[in-house]
Amino acid sequence: MALLALSLNGPAKFFNWGFISVSIPNLIMIGCIFVLFILALVIPFPTHKEDGK
């Protein structure tokens, strides 16, 4: 709940690495998307089990 109280009125902070400049909120979103992608590769899809046919 404490994260909901953050003020978003100010300018975003940026992460600079050489010629790459990414805002911190975008970097967090990229990280979340990457984690979801890895989970989609690792977690198996549900399958139907055969009844011993």
PDB file of N, CA and C in Angstrom:
ATOM      1  N   MET A   1       0.824  -1.201   0.000  1.00  0.00           N
ATOM      2  CA  MET A   1       0.000   0.000   0.000  1.00  0.00           C
ATOM      3  C   MET A   1       0.861   1.255   0.000  1.00  0.00           C
ATOM      4  N   ALA A   2       2.073   1.157   0.515  1.00  0.00           N
ATOM      5  CA  ALA A   2       2.933   2.333   0.572  1.00  0.00           C
ATOM      6  C   ALA A   2       3.356   2.770  -0.828  1.00  0.00           C
ATOM      7  N   LEU A   3       3.427   1.818  -1.771  1.00  0.00           N
ATOM      8  CA  LEU A   3       3.817   2.187  -3.131  1.00  0.00           C
ATOM      9  C   LEU A   3       2.745   3.014  -3.829  1.00  0.00           C
ATOM     10  N   LEU A   4       1.501   2.869  -3.418  1.00  0.00           N
ATOM     11  CA  LEU A   4       0.423   3.627  -4.031  1.00  0.00           C
ATOM     12  C   LEU A   4       0.474   5.101  -3.660  1.00  0.00           C
ATOM     13  N   ALA A   5       1.216   5.447  -2.612  1.00  0.00           N
ATOM     14  CA  ALA A   5       1.278   6.821  -2.142  1.00  0.00           C
ATOM     15  C   ALA A   5       2.394   7.625  -2.808  1.00  0.00           C
ATOM     16  N   LEU A   6       3.088   7.048  -3.779  1.00  0.00           N
ATOM     17  CA  LEU A   6       4.162   7.767  -4.452  1.00  0.00           C
ATOM     18  C   LEU A   6       3.600   8.874  -5.343  1.00  0.00           C
ATOM     19  N   SER A   7       4.297   9.983  -5.370  1.00  0.00           N
ATOM     20  CA  SER A   7       3.892  11.087  -6.231  1.00  0.00           C
ATOM     21  C   SER A   7       4.500  10.891  -7.621  1.00  0.00           C
ATOM     22  N   LEU A   8       3.670  10.918  -8.634  1.00  0.00           N
ATOM     23  CA  LEU A   8       4.132  10.736 -10.009  1.00  0.00           C
ATOM     24  C   LEU A   8       4.150  12.045 -10.778  1.00  0.00           C
ATOM     25  N   ASN A   9       4.130  13.163 -10.075  1.00  0.00           N
ATOM     26  CA  ASN A   9       4.085  14.463 -10.738  1.00  0.00           C
ATOM     27  C   ASN A   9       5.451  14.942 -11.209  1.00  0.00           C
ATOM     28  N   GLY A  10       6.516  14.431 -10.662  1.00  0.00           N
ATOM     29  CA  GLY A  10       7.855  14.880 -11.023  1.00  0.00           C
ATOM     30  C   GLY A  10       8.371  14.175 -12.266  1.00  0.00           C
ATOM     31  N   PRO A  11       9.495  14.627 -12.774  1.00  0.00           N
ATOM     32  CA  PRO A  11      10.086  13.966 -13.941  1.00  0.00           C
ATOM     33  C   PRO A  11      10.663  12.606 -13.557  1.00  0.00           C
ATOM     34  N   ALA A  12      10.672  11.706 -14.505  1.00  0.00           N
ATOM     35  CA  ALA A  12      11.185  10.358 -14.255  1.00  0.00           C
ATOM     36  C   ALA A  12      12.701  10.385 -14.169  1.00  0.00           C
ATOM     37  N   LYS A  13      13.247   9.491 -13.370  1.00  0.00           N
ATOM     38  CA  LYS A  13      14.693   9.336 -13.290  1.00  0.00           C
ATOM     39  C   LYS A  13      15.124   8.392 -14.404  1.00  0.00           C
ATOM     40  N   PHE A  14      16.335   8.600 -14.900  1.00  0.00           N
ATOM     41  CA  PHE A  14      16.819   7.820 -16.022  1.00  0.00           C
ATOM     42  C   PHE A  14      18.043   7.011 -15.644  1.00  0.00           C
ATOM     43  N   PHE A  15      18.169   5.839 -16.266  1.00  0.00           N
ATOM     44  CA  PHE A  15      19.332   4.981 -16.133  1.00  0.00           C
ATOM     45  C   PHE A  15      20.161   5.173 -17.398  1.00  0.00           C
ATOM     46  N   ASN A  16      21.379   5.657 -17.250  1.00  0.00           N
ATOM     47  CA  ASN A  16      22.251   5.904 -18.395  1.00  0.00           C
ATOM     48  C   ASN A  16      23.383   4.896 -18.396  1.00  0.00           C
ATOM     49  N   TRP A  17      23.546   4.236 -19.543  1.00  0.00           N
ATOM     50  CA  TRP A  17      24.612   3.267 -19.707  1.00  0.00           C
ATOM     51  C   TRP A  17      25.184   3.449 -21.109  1.00  0.00           C
ATOM     52  N   GLY A  18      26.242   4.219 -21.213  1.00  0.00           N
ATOM     53  CA  GLY A  18      26.816   4.532 -22.518  1.00  0.00           C
ATOM     54  C   GLY A  18      25.851   5.391 -23.309  1.00  0.00           C
ATOM     55  N   PHE A  19      25.476   4.924 -24.483  1.00  0.00           N
ATOM     56  CA  PHE A  19      24.521   5.664 -25.315  1.00  0.00           C
ATOM     57  C   PHE A  19      23.079   5.259 -25.043  1.00  0.00           C
ATOM     58  N   ILE A  20      22.857   4.300 -24.129  1.00  0.00           N
ATOM     59  CA  ILE A  20      21.514   3.836 -23.788  1.00  0.00           C
ATOM     60  C   ILE A  20      20.988   4.648 -22.616  1.00  0.00           C
ATOM     61  N   SER A  21      19.803   5.203 -22.773  1.00  0.00           N
ATOM     62  CA  SER A  21      19.153   5.975 -21.723  1.00  0.00           C
ATOM     63  C   SER A  21      17.710   5.497 -21.601  1.00  0.00           C
ATOM     64  N   VAL A  22      17.379   4.895 -20.451  1.00  0.00           N
ATOM     65  CA  VAL A  22      16.049   4.326 -20.233  1.00  0.00           C
ATOM     66  C   VAL A  22      15.517   4.872 -18.920  1.00  0.00           C
ATOM     67  N   SER A  23      14.238   5.269 -18.920  1.00  0.00           N
ATOM     68  CA  SER A  23      13.651   5.730 -17.669  1.00  0.00           C
ATOM     69  C   SER A  23      13.452   4.531 -16.739  1.00  0.00           C
ATOM     70  N   ILE A  24      13.518   4.779 -15.449  1.00  0.00           N
ATOM     71  CA  ILE A  24      13.394   3.710 -14.455  1.00  0.00           C
ATOM     72  C   ILE A  24      12.040   3.003 -14.554  1.00  0.00           C
ATOM     73  N   PRO A  25      10.905   3.726 -14.712  1.00  0.00           N
ATOM     74  CA  PRO A  25       9.626   2.995 -14.867  1.00  0.00           C
ATOM     75  C   PRO A  25       9.609   2.076 -16.091  1.00  0.00           C
ATOM     76  N   ASN A  26      10.195   2.518 -17.203  1.00  0.00           N
ATOM     77  CA  ASN A  26      10.260   1.653 -18.385  1.00  0.00           C
ATOM     78  C   ASN A  26      11.183   0.466 -18.147  1.00  0.00           C
ATOM     79  N   LEU A  27      12.262   0.682 -17.414  1.00  0.00           N
ATOM     80  CA  LEU A  27      13.175  -0.401 -17.105  1.00  0.00           C
ATOM     81  C   LEU A  27      12.497  -1.448 -16.224  1.00  0.00           C
ATOM     82  N   ILE A  28      11.659  -1.011 -15.292  1.00  0.00           N
ATOM     83  CA  ILE A  28      10.903  -1.941 -14.447  1.00  0.00           C
ATOM     84  C   ILE A  28       9.918  -2.744 -15.291  1.00  0.00           C
ATOM     85  N   MET A  29       9.254  -2.090 -16.225  1.00  0.00           N
ATOM     86  CA  MET A  29       8.303  -2.798 -17.102  1.00  0.00           C
ATOM     87  C   MET A  29       9.021  -3.812 -17.988  1.00  0.00           C
ATOM     88  N   ILE A  30      10.182  -3.453 -18.511  1.00  0.00           N
ATOM     89  CA  ILE A  30      10.959  -4.386 -19.327  1.00  0.00           C
ATOM     90  C   ILE A  30      11.351  -5.590 -18.488  1.00  0.00           C
ATOM     91  N   GLY A  31      11.741  -5.371 -17.236  1.00  0.00           N
ATOM     92  CA  GLY A  31      12.085  -6.479 -16.341  1.00  0.00           C
ATOM     93  C   GLY A  31      10.897  -7.387 -16.071  1.00  0.00           C
ATOM     94  N   CYS A  32       9.718  -6.800 -15.849  1.00  0.00           N
ATOM     95  CA  CYS A  32       8.506  -7.604 -15.606  1.00  0.00           C
ATOM     96  C   CYS A  32       8.140  -8.426 -16.832  1.00  0.00           C
ATOM     97  N   ILE A  33       8.235  -7.839 -18.002  1.00  0.00           N
ATOM     98  CA  ILE A  33       7.926  -8.560 -19.238  1.00  0.00           C
ATOM     99  C   ILE A  33       8.922  -9.700 -19.441  1.00  0.00           C
ATOM    100  N   PHE A  34      10.195  -9.445 -19.135  1.00  0.00           N
ATOM    101  CA  PHE A  34      11.217 -10.489 -19.264  1.00  0.00           C
ATOM    102  C   PHE A  34      10.925 -11.647 -18.316  1.00  0.00           C
ATOM    103  N   VAL A  35      10.555 -11.349 -17.076  1.00  0.00           N
ATOM    104  CA  VAL A  35      10.234 -12.396 -16.100  1.00  0.00           C
ATOM    105  C   VAL A  35       9.019 -13.197 -16.562  1.00  0.00           C
ATOM    106  N   LEU A  36       7.979 -12.531 -17.060  1.00  0.00           N
ATOM    107  CA  LEU A  36       6.800 -13.243 -17.559  1.00  0.00           C
ATOM    108  C   LEU A  36       7.141 -14.127 -18.754  1.00  0.00           C
ATOM    109  N   PHE A  37       8.029 -13.663 -19.617  1.00  0.00           N
ATOM    110  CA  PHE A  37       8.450 -14.458 -20.769  1.00  0.00           C
ATOM    111  C   PHE A  37       9.177 -15.719 -20.314  1.00  0.00           C
ATOM    112  N   ILE A  38      10.080 -15.579 -19.352  1.00  0.00           N
ATOM    113  CA  ILE A  38      10.812 -16.744 -18.839  1.00  0.00           C
ATOM    114  C   ILE A  38       9.846 -17.718 -18.162  1.00  0.00           C
ATOM    115  N   LEU A  39       8.881 -17.196 -17.388  1.00  0.00           N
ATOM    116  CA  LEU A  39       7.896 -18.075 -16.749  1.00  0.00           C
ATOM    117  C   LEU A  39       7.052 -18.805 -17.787  1.00  0.00           C
ATOM    118  N   ALA A  40       6.707 -18.141 -18.880  1.00  0.00           N
ATOM    119  CA  ALA A  40       5.917 -18.788 -19.932  1.00  0.00           C
ATOM    120  C   ALA A  40       6.704 -19.916 -20.592  1.00  0.00           C
ATOM    121  N   LEU A  41       8.023 -19.801 -20.634  1.00  0.00           N
ATOM    122  CA  LEU A  41       8.830 -20.878 -21.201  1.00  0.00           C
ATOM    123  C   LEU A  41       9.015 -22.043 -20.228  1.00  0.00           C
ATOM    124  N   VAL A  42       9.053 -21.739 -18.944  1.00  0.00           N
ATOM    125  CA  VAL A  42       9.369 -22.755 -17.943  1.00  0.00           C
ATOM    126  C   VAL A  42       8.135 -23.503 -17.463  1.00  0.00           C
ATOM    127  N   ILE A  43       7.035 -22.809 -17.229  1.00  0.00           N
ATOM    128  CA  ILE A  43       5.825 -23.438 -16.701  1.00  0.00           C
ATOM    129  C   ILE A  43       5.160 -24.242 -17.816  1.00  0.00           C
ATOM    130  N   PRO A  44       4.940 -25.528 -17.578  1.00  0.00           N
ATOM    131  CA  PRO A  44       4.345 -26.349 -18.642  1.00  0.00           C
ATOM    132  C   PRO A  44       2.845 -26.078 -18.799  1.00  0.00           C
ATOM    133  N   PHE A  45       2.389 -26.273 -20.017  1.00  0.00           N
ATOM    134  CA  PHE A  45       0.957 -26.171 -20.276  1.00  0.00           C
ATOM    135  C   PHE A  45       0.253 -27.381 -19.666  1.00  0.00           C
ATOM    136  N   PRO A  46      -0.996 -27.213 -19.215  1.00  0.00           N
ATOM    137  CA  PRO A  46      -1.723 -28.387 -18.710  1.00  0.00           C
ATOM    138  C   PRO A  46      -2.017 -29.354 -19.867  1.00  0.00           C
ATOM    139  N   THR A  47      -1.851 -30.622 -19.605  1.00  0.00           N
ATOM    140  CA  THR A  47      -2.094 -31.633 -20.634  1.00  0.00           C
ATOM    141  C   THR A  47      -3.139 -32.618 -20.134  1.00  0.00           C
ATOM    142  N   HIS A  48      -3.756 -33.290 -21.065  1.00  0.00           N
ATOM    143  CA  HIS A  48      -4.716 -34.331 -20.720  1.00  0.00           C
ATOM    144  C   HIS A  48      -3.965 -35.628 -20.499  1.00  0.00           C
ATOM    145  N   LYS A  49      -4.224 -36.249 -19.366  1.00  0.00           N
ATOM    146  CA  LYS A  49      -3.568 -37.531 -19.091  1.00  0.00           C
ATOM    147  C   LYS A  49      -4.411 -38.651 -19.645  1.00  0.00           C
ATOM    148  N   GLU A  50      -3.743 -39.594 -20.252  1.00  0.00           N
ATOM    149  CA  GLU A  50      -4.455 -40.717 -20.838  1.00  0.00           C
ATOM    150  C   GLU A  50      -4.870 -41.691 -19.741  1.00  0.00           C
ATOM    151  N   ASP A  51      -5.974 -42.375 -19.951  1.00  0.00           N
ATOM    152  CA  ASP A  51      -6.512 -43.295 -18.960  1.00  0.00           C
ATOM    153  C   ASP A  51      -5.972 -44.711 -19.145  1.00  0.00           C
ATOM    154  N   GLY A  52      -4.762 -44.856 -19.612  1.00  0.00           N
ATOM    155  CA  GLY A  52      -4.152 -46.175 -19.765  1.00  0.00           C
ATOM    156  C   GLY A  52      -4.593 -46.890 -21.025  1.00  0.00           C
ATOM    157  N   LYS A  53      -4.935 -46.200 -22.048  1.00  0.00           N
ATOM    158  CA  LYS A  53      -5.372 -46.845 -23.301  1.00  0.00           C
ATOM    159  C   LYS A  53      -4.228 -47.499 -24.006  1.00  0.00           C
TER     160      LYS A  53
END
